[in-house]
């Protein structure tokens, strides 16, 4: 967030967490954010790693001074309460707060951070898709048209599907790279279909890939 401090960025509420309707309209002062400030022991590092992984998987944005932020929803409130409880059970603590931006520009910066994080993930996903396509091309060129190769590539494609679904689930504000990532996955599906057709043709099973897609 550049040089913007948390104090400049957000006006902290000292009230208890309460459920409110979540408004995704960027720049709206009705938007509320959940802030989680973990206080974790430096050693062992396992708890810090655990919290970091939990927050990243949920799509939380990391601001300055060890502050994590999520749009306020009932699901996110439950998630953060669970993370806090888990931290407390392992010797840590933390603070949960509801926050509102001081102005629309500050909120836009928070939303931009979320989008930047997701765009980075979509770009990393795109790299893996290109690697997948390169592997299919290599197998095809080498005429490695075997069931083992097909099964391995099907497994890799399923991992891509799962990964993109996870990124999309934490893309709360429609990152620009989402469409590009979806197109990359479609290209991988098409390449695997053609690879499967080549294998089935070699085995005298023409049309089998179409039948499988239909099912």
Protein backbone atom coordinates (compact mmCIF):
# COMPACT_ATOMS: atom_id res chain seq x y z
CA UNK A 1 0.00 0.00 0.00
CA UNK A 2 3.00 2.29 -0.43
CA UNK A 3 3.56 4.67 2.46
CA UNK A 4 -0.05 4.67 3.61
CA UNK A 5 -0.21 3.59 7.24
CA UNK A 6 -2.97 1.51 8.72
CA UNK A 7 -4.03 4.51 10.81
CA UNK A 8 -4.44 6.62 7.68
CA UNK A 9 -6.08 3.82 5.78
CA UNK A 10 -8.78 2.72 8.18
CA UNK A 11 -10.91 3.97 10.98
CA UNK A 12 -11.03 1.18 13.51
CA UNK A 13 -14.25 0.27 15.25
CA UNK A 14 -13.89 -0.70 18.91
CA UNK A 15 -17.26 -2.44 18.99
CA UNK A 16 -17.60 -6.22 18.98
CA UNK A 17 -17.85 -7.96 15.63
CA UNK A 18 -21.40 -7.88 14.38
CA UNK A 19 -22.97 -9.20 11.23
CA UNK A 20 -23.84 -6.62 8.63
CA UNK A 21 -24.77 -6.76 4.97
CA UNK A 22 -21.72 -6.73 2.75
CA UNK A 23 -21.68 -4.20 -0.06
CA UNK A 24 -19.18 -4.82 -2.87
CA UNK A 25 -19.61 -1.39 -4.45
CA UNK A 26 -16.08 -0.04 -4.71
CA UNK A 27 -15.75 3.38 -3.08
CA UNK A 28 -18.91 3.02 -1.00
CA UNK A 29 -18.61 4.09 2.62
CA UNK A 30 -21.06 1.32 3.48
CA UNK A 31 -18.31 -1.24 2.90
CA UNK A 32 -17.03 -2.75 6.11
CA UNK A 33 -13.86 -4.73 6.54
CA UNK A 34 -12.77 -7.32 9.04
CA UNK A 35 -9.33 -6.72 10.47
CA UNK A 36 -7.32 -9.44 12.14
CA UNK A 37 -4.17 -8.51 14.05
CA UNK A 38 -2.49 -11.73 15.18
CA UNK A 39 -0.08 -11.67 18.11
CA UNK A 40 2.01 -14.79 17.76
CA UNK A 41 5.14 -16.06 19.48
CA UNK A 42 8.30 -15.81 17.40
CA UNK A 43 9.26 -19.36 18.30
CA UNK A 44 8.36 -21.89 17.23
CA UNK A 45 7.58 -20.49 13.79
CA UNK A 46 5.00 -23.18 13.01
CA UNK A 47 2.09 -21.08 14.32
CA UNK A 48 3.10 -18.08 12.23
CA UNK A 49 3.31 -20.29 9.16
CA UNK A 50 -0.07 -21.83 9.95
CA UNK A 51 -1.79 -18.44 10.28
CA UNK A 52 -0.09 -17.12 7.14
CA UNK A 53 -1.28 -20.13 5.14
CA UNK A 54 -4.82 -19.85 6.51
CA UNK A 55 -5.05 -16.17 5.63
CA UNK A 56 -3.59 -16.59 2.15
CA UNK A 57 -5.92 -19.49 1.37
CA UNK A 58 -8.89 -17.35 2.42
CA UNK A 59 -7.80 -14.51 0.14
CA UNK A 60 -7.05 -12.03 2.92
CA UNK A 61 -4.95 -9.00 2.06
CA UNK A 62 -1.90 -8.23 4.18
CA UNK A 63 -1.51 -4.59 5.14
CA UNK A 64 1.27 -2.96 7.12
CA UNK A 65 2.15 -3.87 10.69
CA UNK A 66 0.93 -7.46 10.46
CA UNK A 67 -2.71 -6.60 9.77
CA UNK A 68 -4.90 -8.91 7.67
CA UNK A 69 -8.10 -7.66 6.02
CA UNK A 70 -11.14 -9.38 4.52
CA UNK A 71 -14.48 -8.02 3.30
CA UNK A 72 -17.02 -8.41 6.09
CA UNK A 73 -19.28 -11.39 5.54
CA UNK A 74 -20.68 -13.93 8.01
CA UNK A 75 -18.44 -16.59 6.47
CA UNK A 76 -15.33 -14.48 6.89
CA UNK A 77 -16.27 -13.65 10.47
CA UNK A 78 -16.58 -17.34 11.30
CA UNK A 79 -13.30 -18.06 9.57
CA UNK A 80 -11.38 -15.39 11.49
CA UNK A 81 -12.89 -16.46 14.79
CA UNK A 82 -11.76 -20.01 14.06
CA UNK A 83 -8.23 -18.84 13.21
CA UNK A 84 -8.07 -16.79 16.40
CA UNK A 85 -9.25 -19.74 18.47
CA UNK A 86 -6.68 -22.00 16.83
CA UNK A 87 -3.95 -19.44 17.57
CA UNK A 88 -5.04 -19.14 21.19
CA UNK A 89 -4.94 -22.89 21.62
CA UNK A 90 -1.29 -22.81 20.55
CA UNK A 91 -0.13 -19.95 22.75
CA UNK A 92 -0.96 -17.01 20.52
CA UNK A 93 -3.61 -14.31 20.61
CA UNK A 94 -5.03 -11.64 18.36
CA UNK A 95 -7.53 -8.85 17.85
CA UNK A 96 -10.57 -8.91 15.58
CA UNK A 97 -12.13 -5.63 14.56
CA UNK A 98 -14.63 -4.15 12.14
CA UNK A 99 -13.16 -1.27 10.14
CA UNK A 100 -14.46 1.39 7.75
CA UNK A 101 -12.30 3.50 5.40
CA UNK A 102 -11.63 7.14 6.15
CA UNK A 103 -12.53 7.99 2.55
CA UNK A 104 -13.29 6.38 -0.80
CA UNK A 105 -9.69 6.69 -2.03
CA UNK A 106 -8.41 4.60 0.88
CA UNK A 107 -11.03 1.95 0.20
CA UNK A 108 -10.04 1.89 -3.46
CA UNK A 109 -6.47 1.20 -2.39
CA UNK A 110 -7.61 -1.76 -0.30
CA UNK A 111 -9.64 -3.17 -3.19
CA UNK A 112 -6.66 -2.63 -5.50
CA UNK A 113 -4.50 -4.70 -3.14
CA UNK A 114 -7.00 -7.58 -3.31
CA UNK A 115 -7.07 -7.40 -7.10
CA UNK A 116 -3.29 -7.26 -7.35
CA UNK A 117 -2.96 -10.37 -5.20
CA UNK A 118 -5.46 -12.28 -7.33
CA UNK A 119 -3.90 -11.07 -10.59
CA UNK A 120 -0.56 -12.42 -9.42
CA UNK A 121 -2.17 -15.79 -8.70
CA UNK A 122 -3.91 -15.84 -12.07
CA UNK A 123 -0.59 -15.08 -13.76
CA UNK A 124 1.10 -17.94 -11.89
CA UNK A 125 -1.78 -20.15 -12.97
CA UNK A 126 -1.18 -19.09 -16.57
CA UNK A 127 2.46 -20.16 -16.30
CA UNK A 128 1.37 -23.63 -15.19
CA UNK A 129 -1.09 -23.82 -18.08
CA UNK A 130 1.69 -23.01 -20.53
CA UNK A 131 3.82 -25.73 -18.95
CA UNK A 132 0.91 -28.14 -19.35
CA UNK A 133 0.53 -27.28 -23.04
CA UNK A 134 4.28 -27.66 -23.55
CA UNK A 135 4.19 -31.12 -21.95
CA UNK A 136 1.30 -32.21 -24.19
CA UNK A 137 3.19 -30.94 -27.24
CA UNK A 138 6.34 -32.79 -26.19
CA UNK A 139 4.46 -36.05 -25.60
CA UNK A 140 2.71 -35.72 -28.96
CA UNK A 141 5.93 -34.97 -30.83
CA UNK A 142 7.66 -37.94 -29.20
CA UNK A 143 4.64 -40.11 -30.10
CA UNK A 144 4.32 -41.10 -26.45
CA UNK A 145 0.68 -41.95 -27.03
CA UNK A 146 0.12 -44.25 -24.08
CA UNK A 147 -2.57 -44.68 -21.48
CA UNK A 148 -0.05 -43.83 -18.75
CA UNK A 149 0.72 -40.49 -20.40
CA UNK A 150 -2.98 -39.76 -20.82
CA UNK A 151 -3.76 -40.59 -17.21
CA UNK A 152 -0.90 -38.43 -15.93
CA UNK A 153 -2.01 -35.45 -18.01
CA UNK A 154 -5.63 -35.91 -16.94
CA UNK A 155 -4.45 -35.75 -13.34
CA UNK A 156 -2.49 -32.57 -14.05
CA UNK A 157 -5.51 -30.98 -15.73
CA UNK A 158 -7.67 -31.79 -12.73
CA UNK A 159 -5.15 -30.04 -10.50
CA UNK A 160 -5.41 -26.98 -12.73
CA UNK A 161 -9.20 -27.05 -12.42
CA UNK A 162 -8.95 -27.26 -8.63
CA UNK A 163 -6.39 -24.48 -8.44
CA UNK A 164 -8.40 -22.07 -10.59
CA UNK A 165 -11.53 -22.77 -8.55
CA UNK A 166 -9.65 -21.82 -5.37
CA UNK A 167 -8.35 -18.58 -6.88
CA UNK A 168 -11.80 -17.66 -8.21
CA UNK A 169 -13.38 -18.30 -4.81
CA UNK A 170 -11.13 -15.69 -3.19
CA UNK A 171 -11.39 -13.20 -6.07
CA UNK A 172 -13.83 -10.90 -4.28
CA UNK A 173 -13.49 -7.91 -6.60
CA UNK A 174 -13.13 -9.30 -10.12
CA UNK A 175 -9.40 -9.18 -10.94
CA UNK A 176 -8.63 -8.37 -14.56
CA UNK A 177 -6.66 -11.58 -15.21
CA UNK A 178 -9.60 -13.86 -14.37
CA UNK A 179 -10.81 -14.08 -17.97
CA UNK A 180 -7.31 -14.77 -19.28
CA UNK A 181 -6.90 -17.58 -16.75
CA UNK A 182 -10.21 -19.14 -17.78
CA UNK A 183 -9.16 -19.03 -21.43
CA UNK A 184 -5.85 -20.68 -20.55
CA UNK A 185 -7.67 -23.53 -18.83
CA UNK A 186 -9.92 -23.96 -21.86
CA UNK A 187 -6.84 -24.23 -24.06
CA UNK A 188 -5.49 -26.96 -21.78
CA UNK A 189 -8.79 -28.86 -21.98
CA UNK A 190 -8.73 -28.65 -25.76
CA UNK A 191 -5.13 -29.83 -25.95
CA UNK A 192 -5.81 -32.82 -23.70
CA UNK A 193 -8.88 -33.74 -25.75
CA UNK A 194 -6.81 -33.76 -28.93
CA UNK A 195 -4.10 -35.78 -27.18
CA UNK A 196 -6.68 -38.32 -26.04
CA UNK A 197 -8.13 -38.56 -29.55
CA UNK A 198 -4.67 -39.35 -30.92
CA UNK A 199 -4.24 -42.12 -28.35
CA UNK A 200 -7.68 -43.59 -29.01
CA UNK A 201 -7.11 -43.47 -32.77
CA UNK A 202 -3.87 -45.36 -32.32
CA UNK A 203 -5.77 -48.01 -30.36
CA UNK A 204 -8.60 -48.16 -32.90
CA UNK A 205 -11.04 -46.36 -30.56
CA UNK A 206 -11.89 -43.34 -32.67
CA UNK A 207 -14.56 -41.10 -31.13
CA UNK A 208 -13.94 -42.32 -27.59
CA UNK A 209 -12.85 -38.89 -26.39
CA UNK A 210 -16.08 -37.37 -27.70
CA UNK A 211 -18.11 -40.03 -25.90
CA UNK A 212 -16.27 -39.29 -22.64
CA UNK A 213 -16.88 -35.55 -22.98
CA UNK A 214 -20.56 -36.22 -23.57
CA UNK A 215 -20.75 -38.18 -20.33
